[in-house]
Protein backbone atom coordinates (compact mmCIF):
# COMPACT_ATOMS: atom_id res chain seq x y z
CA MET A 1 -12.28 25.64 -53.96
CA SER A 2 -14.01 23.32 -51.50
CA ASN A 3 -15.01 24.08 -47.93
CA GLU A 4 -14.22 20.55 -46.81
CA VAL A 5 -11.45 19.44 -44.52
CA GLN A 6 -10.39 15.84 -44.63
CA ILE A 7 -8.62 14.23 -41.72
CA ASP A 8 -7.05 10.79 -41.88
CA LEU A 9 -7.77 9.12 -38.55
CA ARG A 10 -6.14 5.77 -39.32
CA GLU A 11 -3.15 6.52 -37.10
CA VAL A 12 -5.39 7.61 -34.22
CA THR A 13 -7.61 4.57 -34.70
CA GLU A 14 -4.61 2.22 -34.60
CA TYR A 15 -3.30 3.92 -31.47
CA LEU A 16 -6.69 3.56 -29.74
CA LYS A 17 -6.86 -0.12 -30.73
CA GLY A 18 -3.47 -0.58 -29.09
CA VAL A 19 -4.67 1.17 -25.93
CA GLN A 20 -7.78 -1.00 -25.91
CA ASN A 21 -5.67 -4.15 -26.23
CA ARG A 22 -3.34 -3.03 -23.40
CA ILE A 23 -6.14 -2.19 -20.98
CA SER A 24 -7.91 -5.50 -21.64
CA ASN A 25 -5.16 -7.22 -19.64
CA MET A 26 -3.13 -4.98 -17.37
CA SER A 27 -1.58 -7.83 -15.34
CA SER A 28 2.01 -6.65 -15.73
CA ALA A 29 1.10 -3.08 -14.75
CA MET A 30 -0.96 -4.32 -11.80
CA ALA A 31 1.96 -6.52 -10.70
CA ASN A 32 4.11 -3.37 -10.62
CA VAL A 33 1.44 -1.44 -8.70
CA ALA A 34 1.04 -4.28 -6.17
CA GLY A 35 4.82 -4.49 -5.72
CA SER A 36 5.05 -0.74 -5.23
CA MET A 37 2.26 -0.80 -2.64
CA GLU A 38 3.86 -3.69 -0.75
CA ASP A 39 7.24 -1.92 -0.73
CA SER A 40 5.54 1.17 0.71
CA VAL A 41 3.95 -0.84 3.51
CA HIS A 42 7.28 -2.44 4.46
CA GLN A 43 8.85 1.03 4.44
CA ARG A 44 6.22 2.11 6.98
CA PHE A 45 7.56 -0.44 9.45
CA GLU A 46 11.12 0.76 8.90
CA ASP A 47 10.21 4.46 9.15
CA LYS A 48 7.68 3.91 11.96
CA SER A 49 5.25 6.20 10.16
CA ASP A 50 2.12 6.23 8.01
CA GLY A 51 4.18 7.65 5.18
CA THR A 52 3.87 11.23 6.37
CA THR A 53 3.47 11.21 10.16
CA LYS A 54 5.49 9.27 12.74
CA TRP A 55 3.62 6.66 14.75
CA LYS A 56 2.92 7.32 18.41
CA SER A 57 5.77 6.03 20.60
CA LEU A 58 5.28 3.00 22.80
CA SER A 59 4.02 3.70 26.29
CA PRO A 60 6.50 3.36 29.16
CA LYS A 61 4.44 0.40 30.41
CA THR A 62 4.77 -1.40 27.06
CA ILE A 63 8.51 -0.73 26.98
CA GLN A 64 8.91 -2.13 30.51
CA ASP A 65 6.87 -5.20 29.60
CA ARG A 66 9.01 -5.83 26.54
CA GLN A 67 12.23 -5.43 28.49
CA ARG A 68 10.96 -7.84 31.12
CA LYS A 69 10.16 -10.37 28.38
CA GLY A 70 13.60 -9.91 26.78
CA TYR A 71 12.61 -8.21 23.54
CA THR A 72 15.34 -5.97 22.20
CA PRO A 73 15.22 -3.23 21.36
CA ALA A 74 12.19 -2.81 23.54
CA THR A 75 11.15 0.39 21.73
CA ASN A 76 10.53 -1.12 18.27
CA ILE A 77 6.96 -0.34 17.27
CA LEU A 78 4.82 -3.12 15.72
CA VAL A 79 7.86 -5.35 15.17
CA ARG A 80 8.26 -7.27 18.41
CA SER A 81 8.30 -10.60 16.57
CA ARG A 82 8.04 -9.35 12.96
CA GLN A 83 4.92 -11.53 12.61
CA LEU A 84 2.77 -8.59 11.54
CA GLU A 85 5.26 -7.20 9.04
CA ASN A 86 5.97 -10.67 7.65
CA SER A 87 2.24 -11.21 7.10
CA ILE A 88 2.08 -8.37 4.55
CA SER A 89 1.47 -9.65 1.07
CA SER A 90 0.17 -8.37 -2.23
CA ARG A 91 -1.82 -9.82 -5.07
CA TYR A 92 -3.12 -8.61 -8.39
CA THR A 93 -5.38 -9.48 -11.28
CA SER A 94 -5.53 -8.05 -14.76
CA HIS A 95 -7.48 -5.06 -13.39
CA SER A 96 -6.72 -4.73 -9.67
CA ALA A 97 -3.92 -4.67 -7.12
CA GLU A 98 -4.10 -5.00 -3.35
CA VAL A 99 -1.88 -5.33 -0.34
CA GLY A 100 -2.84 -6.49 3.13
CA SER A 101 -2.45 -8.89 6.00
CA ASN A 102 -4.47 -11.91 7.06
CA LEU A 103 -3.79 -11.27 10.76
CA PRO A 104 -6.68 -9.92 12.85
CA GLN A 105 -4.32 -7.61 14.77
CA ALA A 106 -3.43 -5.84 11.51
CA VAL A 107 -6.81 -4.10 11.43
CA ALA A 108 -6.66 -3.28 15.15
CA HIS A 109 -3.24 -1.62 14.86
CA ASN A 110 -3.93 0.06 11.53
CA LEU A 111 -7.20 1.64 12.70
CA GLY A 112 -6.40 2.06 16.41
CA LEU A 113 -9.17 -0.11 17.83
CA ARG A 114 -10.05 -1.20 21.34
CA VAL A 115 -8.82 -4.73 22.08
CA GLY A 116 -8.44 -7.16 24.96
CA LYS A 117 -10.82 -8.42 27.57
CA ASN A 118 -13.93 -6.22 27.47
CA LYS A 119 -12.19 -4.06 24.85
CA SER A 120 -10.30 -2.42 27.72
CA VAL A 121 -7.13 -1.48 25.81
CA GLN A 122 -7.16 1.33 23.25
CA LEU A 123 -4.44 0.80 20.66
CA PRO A 124 -3.04 3.94 19.10
CA LYS A 125 -3.71 4.28 15.39
CA ARG A 126 -0.54 3.28 13.55
CA GLU A 127 -1.44 3.17 9.90
CA PHE A 128 0.74 1.01 7.71
CA LEU A 129 -1.93 0.01 5.18
CA SER A 130 -2.41 3.41 3.60
CA ILE A 131 -1.36 5.32 0.51
CA THR A 132 0.17 8.78 0.48
CA ASN A 133 -0.49 11.26 -2.33
CA ARG A 134 3.07 10.68 -3.58
CA GLU A 135 2.50 6.91 -3.70
CA PHE A 136 -0.85 7.37 -5.42
CA ASN A 137 0.85 9.49 -8.08
CA GLU A 138 3.56 6.84 -8.51
CA MET A 139 0.86 4.23 -9.13
CA LYS A 140 -0.88 6.55 -11.58
CA ASP A 141 2.44 6.96 -13.41
CA ILE A 142 2.90 3.18 -13.62
CA LEU A 143 -0.56 2.80 -15.17
CA THR A 144 -0.23 5.81 -17.46
CA ASN A 145 3.13 4.60 -18.79
CA PHE A 146 1.68 1.14 -19.35
CA ILE A 147 -1.23 2.53 -21.35
CA LYS A 148 1.01 4.89 -23.37
CA LYS A 149 3.43 2.14 -24.50
């Protein structure tokens, strides 16, 4: 009787080669992640929230100004002209995914910065370029399922 144990690792080796091939170009998975992230950002505008917490309401002064200028409904947050929401786009490579806006006001609204002449106006922070834990887990699932194929 021998004290040796023999294990055939060919199946494991083949599986790992497949994983290695899949992770060398994850473009299709990253396209799904980018699409999921972009959908989440657009949902933020609809829900008027950062994904978990509602955005601060418009000030009475802002509502009056919008009514005077003919914007309806005057209480829509960050969607007066839809320019900001329409600027949201995503892109991906074989190993990354991102979503964002090329408009300078996107950063100011997302982070709640001071703007205007002499930085005299403090915008409330209304995050729309963020990821909730649930969304992060969805992206993890997309990548895990891609690698497991």
